[in-house]
């Protein structure tokens, strides 16, 4: 379509004069700038013997190594960014690029990118090797715990003939994680609760805890946890985020909704939620989405660079 008409299902031209068109152009530019990371295949990249990440892996079976979990996080982050690009933009054969307005789905993708990127940063950022090992144990334990929570209930109800073997297998995995912790001089990760059920004996296992840790260390902007929470609320269609946020007490009362940064009118970074009605974009628009997607895109180069730093053996200069 080379006549300038907006294709069916699209809202406008990327780079058009309206605020949403300008914001769409900024989002597309950020996504395209990350294309080299999307082209990488972390699963096939070597963890060099003697590297910090190899040292972390030595504590676990290869099938549950922390490098395997982090490679999955990087792959998931890039998959979701590519999905965001395909969801938002339509490229015409004539060369025109148009954008779609989607109320909820983009925020689900952005939220996942934030979760995956911050997981990599949290695990690999500490300079102290013992703290990296502790955090890697927490991630491995979280994977085991979530797998056990699903498969134990699923098999017990729907495939009871398979349940005893699965229960014994997960029992062994919990002991394996605890033994790895003891070998590293750390406290056990799992503990048996009253009634014989297993639970965590450690903190820092939730995404909220990971984001708070990174914020306390100065590893991410203070507003990132709020952007992540907003994306979660928006992706689930919750009223406080997506429906009518201005109906609740707070900075949006009487002005409509949206998350932005102070001074966001010119695209410059700032701190936290936008402070005035003029600086906030309309709820559900591309300008609002840009604030969230920028926060997610900011994490990607840092996560990959830190992963490369920890998976390689660097010669002493």
Protein backbone atom coordinates (compact mmCIF):
# COMPACT_ATOMS: atom_id res chain seq x y z
CA UNK A 1 0.00 0.00 0.00
CA UNK A 2 1.94 2.99 -1.28
CA UNK A 3 -0.84 5.62 -1.20
CA UNK A 4 -0.24 6.66 2.41
CA UNK A 5 -3.38 4.98 3.71
CA UNK A 6 -3.09 3.24 7.04
CA UNK A 7 -3.56 -0.54 6.60
CA UNK A 8 -6.49 -2.21 8.25
CA UNK A 9 -5.75 -3.10 11.85
CA UNK A 10 -3.09 -0.41 12.21
CA UNK A 11 -3.36 2.88 14.07
CA UNK A 12 -0.88 5.06 12.24
CA UNK A 13 2.45 5.58 10.51
CA UNK A 14 5.64 4.94 12.43
CA UNK A 15 7.42 8.29 12.65
CA UNK A 16 4.25 10.23 11.94
CA UNK A 17 3.78 13.68 13.51
CA UNK A 18 1.40 12.58 16.25
CA UNK A 19 2.86 11.57 19.66
CA UNK A 20 2.00 7.90 19.18
CA UNK A 21 3.74 7.84 15.79
CA UNK A 22 6.87 9.39 17.28
CA UNK A 23 6.82 6.99 20.24
CA UNK A 24 6.35 4.05 17.87
CA UNK A 25 9.45 5.13 15.94
CA UNK A 26 11.45 5.27 19.17
CA UNK A 27 10.30 1.78 20.20
CA UNK A 28 11.15 0.34 16.78
CA UNK A 29 14.60 1.92 16.83
CA UNK A 30 15.36 0.43 20.24
CA UNK A 31 14.20 -3.02 19.16
CA UNK A 32 16.20 -2.89 15.92
CA UNK A 33 19.31 -1.82 17.84
CA UNK A 34 19.06 -5.05 19.86
CA UNK A 35 18.93 -7.26 16.74
CA UNK A 36 22.55 -8.48 17.15
CA UNK A 37 21.61 -9.97 20.51
CA UNK A 38 18.57 -11.67 18.98
CA UNK A 39 20.88 -13.31 16.45
CA UNK A 40 22.93 -14.96 19.17
CA UNK A 41 22.30 -18.55 20.26
CA UNK A 42 23.20 -18.67 23.93
CA UNK A 43 22.42 -22.38 24.11
CA UNK A 44 25.32 -23.12 21.77
CA UNK A 45 27.84 -20.79 23.38
CA UNK A 46 30.66 -22.28 25.43
CA UNK A 47 31.05 -21.78 29.14
CA UNK A 48 34.85 -21.70 29.26
CA UNK A 49 36.47 -24.03 31.80
CA UNK A 50 37.86 -22.00 34.67
CA UNK A 51 35.44 -19.11 34.15
CA UNK A 52 33.30 -17.75 37.01
CA UNK A 53 30.17 -19.26 35.46
CA UNK A 54 31.87 -22.64 35.10
CA UNK A 55 32.77 -22.43 38.79
CA UNK A 56 29.09 -21.84 39.59
CA UNK A 57 28.08 -24.80 37.41
CA UNK A 58 30.39 -27.20 39.23
CA UNK A 59 27.95 -27.26 42.14
CA UNK A 60 25.11 -28.83 40.15
CA UNK A 61 24.24 -31.55 37.69
CA UNK A 62 24.66 -30.29 34.14
CA UNK A 63 20.94 -30.62 33.43
CA UNK A 64 20.19 -28.14 36.23
CA UNK A 65 23.24 -25.89 36.00
CA UNK A 66 22.80 -22.19 36.58
CA UNK A 67 24.31 -21.47 33.15
CA UNK A 68 21.49 -23.49 31.60
CA UNK A 69 18.89 -21.46 33.49
CA UNK A 70 20.52 -18.16 32.54
CA UNK A 71 20.80 -19.16 28.88
CA UNK A 72 17.07 -19.87 28.93
CA UNK A 73 16.43 -16.46 30.48
CA UNK A 74 18.43 -14.73 27.75
CA UNK A 75 16.68 -16.72 25.02
CA UNK A 76 13.26 -15.96 26.51
CA UNK A 77 14.06 -12.25 26.75
CA UNK A 78 15.03 -12.07 23.09
CA UNK A 79 12.07 -14.18 21.95
CA UNK A 80 9.69 -11.82 23.73
CA UNK A 81 11.35 -8.74 22.26
CA UNK A 82 11.01 -10.21 18.77
CA UNK A 83 7.38 -11.04 19.52
CA UNK A 84 6.86 -7.44 20.65
CA UNK A 85 8.23 -6.16 17.35
CA UNK A 86 5.98 -8.45 15.32
CA UNK A 87 2.95 -7.57 17.43
CA UNK A 88 3.39 -3.81 17.19
CA UNK A 89 4.65 -3.17 13.67
CA UNK A 90 3.53 -3.90 10.11
CA UNK A 91 6.06 -3.38 7.30
CA UNK A 92 4.54 -2.78 3.89
CA UNK A 93 6.29 -3.85 0.64
CA UNK A 94 6.33 -0.17 -0.32
CA UNK A 95 8.63 0.53 2.63
CA UNK A 96 6.11 2.14 4.95
CA UNK A 97 6.03 0.91 8.53
CA UNK A 98 2.83 1.18 10.55
CA UNK A 99 2.01 0.48 14.18
CA UNK A 100 -0.80 -1.28 15.93
CA UNK A 101 -2.32 -0.28 19.26
CA UNK A 102 -2.78 -3.27 21.54
CA UNK A 103 -4.14 -2.66 25.00
CA UNK A 104 -2.69 -5.51 27.04
CA UNK A 105 -0.48 -7.99 25.18
CA UNK A 106 2.62 -5.77 24.80
CA UNK A 107 2.87 -5.32 28.55
CA UNK A 108 2.93 -9.06 29.10
CA UNK A 109 5.90 -9.32 26.73
CA UNK A 110 7.72 -6.37 28.30
CA UNK A 111 7.15 -7.77 31.79
CA UNK A 112 8.76 -11.08 30.78
CA UNK A 113 11.78 -9.28 29.31
CA UNK A 114 12.23 -7.38 32.58
CA UNK A 115 11.99 -10.60 34.59
CA UNK A 116 14.47 -12.48 32.42
CA UNK A 117 16.95 -9.63 32.15
CA UNK A 118 16.98 -8.90 35.87
CA UNK A 119 17.34 -12.60 36.71
CA UNK A 120 20.60 -12.70 34.74
CA UNK A 121 21.84 -9.48 36.34
CA UNK A 122 20.95 -10.64 39.84
CA UNK A 123 22.73 -13.98 39.48
CA UNK A 124 25.91 -12.70 37.86
CA UNK A 125 26.39 -9.15 39.15
CA UNK A 126 28.02 -9.82 42.57
CA UNK A 127 31.78 -9.57 42.51
CA UNK A 128 32.12 -12.04 45.38
CA UNK A 129 32.13 -15.59 44.05
CA UNK A 130 30.43 -17.03 47.14
CA UNK A 131 27.47 -14.68 46.74
CA UNK A 132 27.15 -15.63 43.05
CA UNK A 133 27.08 -19.29 44.11
CA UNK A 134 24.40 -18.55 46.73
CA UNK A 135 22.24 -16.77 44.20
CA UNK A 136 22.71 -19.51 41.63
CA UNK A 137 21.60 -22.03 44.24
CA UNK A 138 18.47 -19.98 44.83
CA UNK A 139 17.68 -19.98 41.10
CA UNK A 140 18.24 -23.72 40.76
CA UNK A 141 16.13 -24.32 43.86
CA UNK A 142 13.36 -22.10 42.49
CA UNK A 143 13.31 -24.16 39.29
CA UNK A 144 13.16 -27.42 41.26
CA UNK A 145 10.46 -26.06 43.59
CA UNK A 146 8.25 -24.84 40.74
CA UNK A 147 8.72 -28.07 38.79
CA UNK A 148 7.83 -30.14 41.85
CA UNK A 149 4.78 -27.97 42.61
CA UNK A 150 3.44 -28.58 39.12
CA UNK A 151 4.37 -32.19 38.42
CA UNK A 152 3.60 -33.50 41.90
CA UNK A 153 0.02 -32.21 41.79
CA UNK A 154 -0.51 -33.00 38.10
CA UNK A 155 0.70 -36.58 38.29
CA UNK A 156 -1.00 -37.32 41.59
CA UNK A 157 -4.37 -36.27 40.17
CA UNK A 158 -4.18 -37.31 36.52
CA UNK A 159 -1.48 -40.01 36.36
CA UNK A 160 -1.31 -41.57 39.82
CA UNK A 161 0.67 -44.56 38.53
CA UNK A 162 3.59 -42.20 37.76
CA UNK A 163 3.35 -40.13 40.93
CA UNK A 164 5.46 -42.24 43.35
CA UNK A 165 8.53 -42.18 41.09
CA UNK A 166 8.18 -38.44 40.47
CA UNK A 167 7.79 -37.76 44.19
CA UNK A 168 10.96 -39.71 44.95
CA UNK A 169 12.82 -37.94 42.15
CA UNK A 170 11.97 -34.49 43.48
CA UNK A 171 12.87 -35.60 46.99
CA UNK A 172 16.31 -36.47 45.67
CA UNK A 173 16.64 -33.15 43.84
CA UNK A 174 15.90 -31.19 47.01
CA UNK A 175 18.57 -33.12 48.88
CA UNK A 176 20.97 -32.55 45.97
CA UNK A 177 20.44 -28.78 46.17
CA UNK A 178 20.93 -28.81 49.95
CA UNK A 179 24.12 -30.85 49.63
CA UNK A 180 25.46 -28.38 47.08
CA UNK A 181 24.74 -25.56 49.54
CA UNK A 182 26.55 -27.36 52.36
CA UNK A 183 29.54 -28.07 50.11
CA UNK A 184 29.78 -24.34 49.40
CA UNK A 185 29.58 -23.51 53.10
CA UNK A 186 26.06 -22.12 52.77
CA UNK A 187 22.84 -22.81 54.63
CA UNK A 188 20.39 -25.34 53.15
CA UNK A 189 17.96 -23.96 50.59
CA UNK A 190 15.09 -26.35 51.29
CA UNK A 191 13.60 -27.32 54.61
CA UNK A 192 10.90 -29.79 55.57
CA UNK A 193 7.88 -28.06 57.06
CA UNK A 194 5.26 -29.31 59.48
CA UNK A 195 3.27 -32.17 57.98
CA UNK A 196 6.20 -33.36 55.90
CA UNK A 197 5.87 -30.77 53.13
CA UNK A 198 8.95 -29.11 51.66
CA UNK A 199 9.44 -25.36 51.58
CA UNK A 200 12.14 -22.74 51.24
CA UNK A 201 14.63 -22.01 54.00
CA UNK A 202 15.95 -18.92 52.22
CA UNK A 203 14.76 -15.58 50.92
CA UNK A 204 15.46 -13.79 47.61
CA UNK A 205 13.55 -16.35 45.59
CA UNK A 206 10.75 -14.19 44.14
CA UNK A 207 10.96 -11.71 41.30
CA UNK A 208 10.01 -8.92 43.69
CA UNK A 209 12.94 -9.85 45.94
CA UNK A 210 15.30 -9.94 42.95
CA UNK A 211 14.25 -6.47 41.83
CA UNK A 212 14.55 -5.10 45.36
CA UNK A 213 18.04 -6.58 45.70
CA UNK A 214 19.16 -5.02 42.43
CA UNK A 215 17.67 -1.66 43.37
CA UNK A 216 19.38 -1.73 46.77
CA UNK A 217 22.70 -2.50 45.07
CA UNK A 218 22.20 0.35 42.61
CA UNK A 219 22.06 -2.16 39.78
CA UNK A 220 18.80 -0.92 38.26
CA UNK A 221 16.84 2.35 38.31
CA UNK A 222 14.59 2.78 41.34
CA UNK A 223 11.46 2.94 39.17
CA UNK A 224 12.05 -0.43 37.48
CA UNK A 225 10.14 -2.41 40.10
CA UNK A 226 7.14 -0.11 39.64
CA UNK A 227 7.29 -0.39 35.86
CA UNK A 228 7.37 -4.18 36.23
CA UNK A 229 4.38 -4.11 38.59
CA UNK A 230 2.50 -1.80 36.23
CA UNK A 231 3.20 -4.13 33.29
CA UNK A 232 1.89 -7.04 35.32
CA UNK A 233 -1.30 -5.21 36.21
CA UNK A 234 -1.79 -4.00 32.66
CA UNK A 235 -1.17 -7.41 31.07
CA UNK A 236 -3.78 -8.96 33.36
CA UNK A 237 -6.31 -6.23 32.59
CA UNK A 238 -6.51 -5.08 36.19
CA UNK A 239 -8.58 -1.97 36.78
CA UNK A 240 -5.95 -0.06 38.74
CA UNK A 241 -3.49 -0.24 35.83
CA UNK A 242 -5.40 -0.68 32.59
CA UNK A 243 -9.00 0.24 33.20
CA UNK A 244 -9.27 3.57 34.97
CA UNK A 245 -6.18 4.24 37.10
CA UNK A 246 -7.32 7.82 37.67
CA UNK A 247 -10.15 6.50 39.86
CA UNK A 248 -7.64 5.58 42.59
CA UNK A 249 -5.81 7.99 44.90
CA UNK A 250 -2.39 8.88 43.59
CA UNK A 251 -0.59 10.82 40.89
CA UNK A 252 -3.17 9.87 38.24
CA UNK A 253 -6.26 11.08 40.08
CA UNK A 254 -8.22 13.40 37.85
CA UNK A 255 -5.68 13.20 35.02
CA UNK A 256 -6.07 9.78 33.43
CA UNK A 257 -3.54 6.98 33.66
CA UNK A 258 -0.17 5.98 32.43
CA UNK A 259 3.35 5.35 33.58
CA UNK A 260 6.04 7.74 32.53
CA UNK A 261 9.24 9.33 33.71
CA UNK A 262 9.54 12.82 34.99
CA UNK A 263 10.34 15.03 32.03
CA UNK A 264 9.10 12.32 29.68
CA UNK A 265 7.63 14.82 27.28
CA UNK A 266 10.95 15.12 25.46
CA UNK A 267 11.90 11.46 25.87
CA UNK A 268 14.60 12.22 28.40
CA UNK A 269 15.10 9.87 31.34
CA UNK A 270 13.88 10.84 34.75
CA UNK A 271 12.83 9.25 37.99
CA UNK A 272 9.70 7.30 38.80
CA UNK A 273 6.19 8.15 37.70
CA UNK A 274 5.57 11.33 35.79
CA UNK A 275 4.77 14.18 38.10
CA UNK A 276 2.32 16.29 36.10
CA UNK A 277 -0.68 15.73 33.93
CA UNK A 278 1.11 17.29 30.94
CA UNK A 279 4.05 14.91 31.25
CA UNK A 280 1.88 11.82 31.35
CA UNK A 281 0.79 10.13 28.18
CA UNK A 282 -2.69 8.79 27.54
CA UNK A 283 -3.30 5.37 29.05
CA UNK A 284 -2.85 2.63 26.47
CA UNK A 285 -0.96 4.74 23.95
CA UNK A 286 2.40 4.10 22.33
CA UNK A 287 4.06 6.85 24.35
CA UNK A 288 3.11 5.09 27.56
CA UNK A 289 4.30 1.75 26.19
CA UNK A 290 7.60 3.35 25.21
CA UNK A 291 8.39 4.08 28.88
CA UNK A 292 7.99 0.42 29.77
CA UNK A 293 9.75 -0.98 26.71
CA UNK A 294 12.69 1.39 27.19
CA UNK A 295 13.16 0.04 30.72
CA UNK A 296 13.20 -3.52 29.38
CA UNK A 297 15.51 -2.72 26.45
CA UNK A 298 17.97 -1.04 28.79
CA UNK A 299 18.52 -4.39 30.54
CA UNK A 300 19.43 -6.44 27.49
CA UNK A 301 22.96 -5.21 26.64
CA UNK A 302 23.90 -5.26 30.31
CA UNK A 303 22.63 -8.82 30.78
CA UNK A 304 24.50 -10.13 27.73
CA UNK A 305 27.70 -8.27 28.60
CA UNK A 306 27.67 -9.63 32.14
CA UNK A 307 26.94 -13.14 30.86
CA UNK A 308 29.92 -12.88 28.48
CA UNK A 309 32.12 -11.57 31.27
CA UNK A 310 31.28 -14.48 33.59
CA UNK A 311 31.41 -17.26 30.97
CA UNK A 312 34.91 -16.46 29.75
CA UNK A 313 38.40 -16.76 31.21
CA UNK A 314 40.06 -13.42 30.85
CA UNK A 315 43.87 -13.33 30.75
CA UNK A 316 45.67 -11.31 33.41
CA UNK A 317 47.16 -8.16 31.91
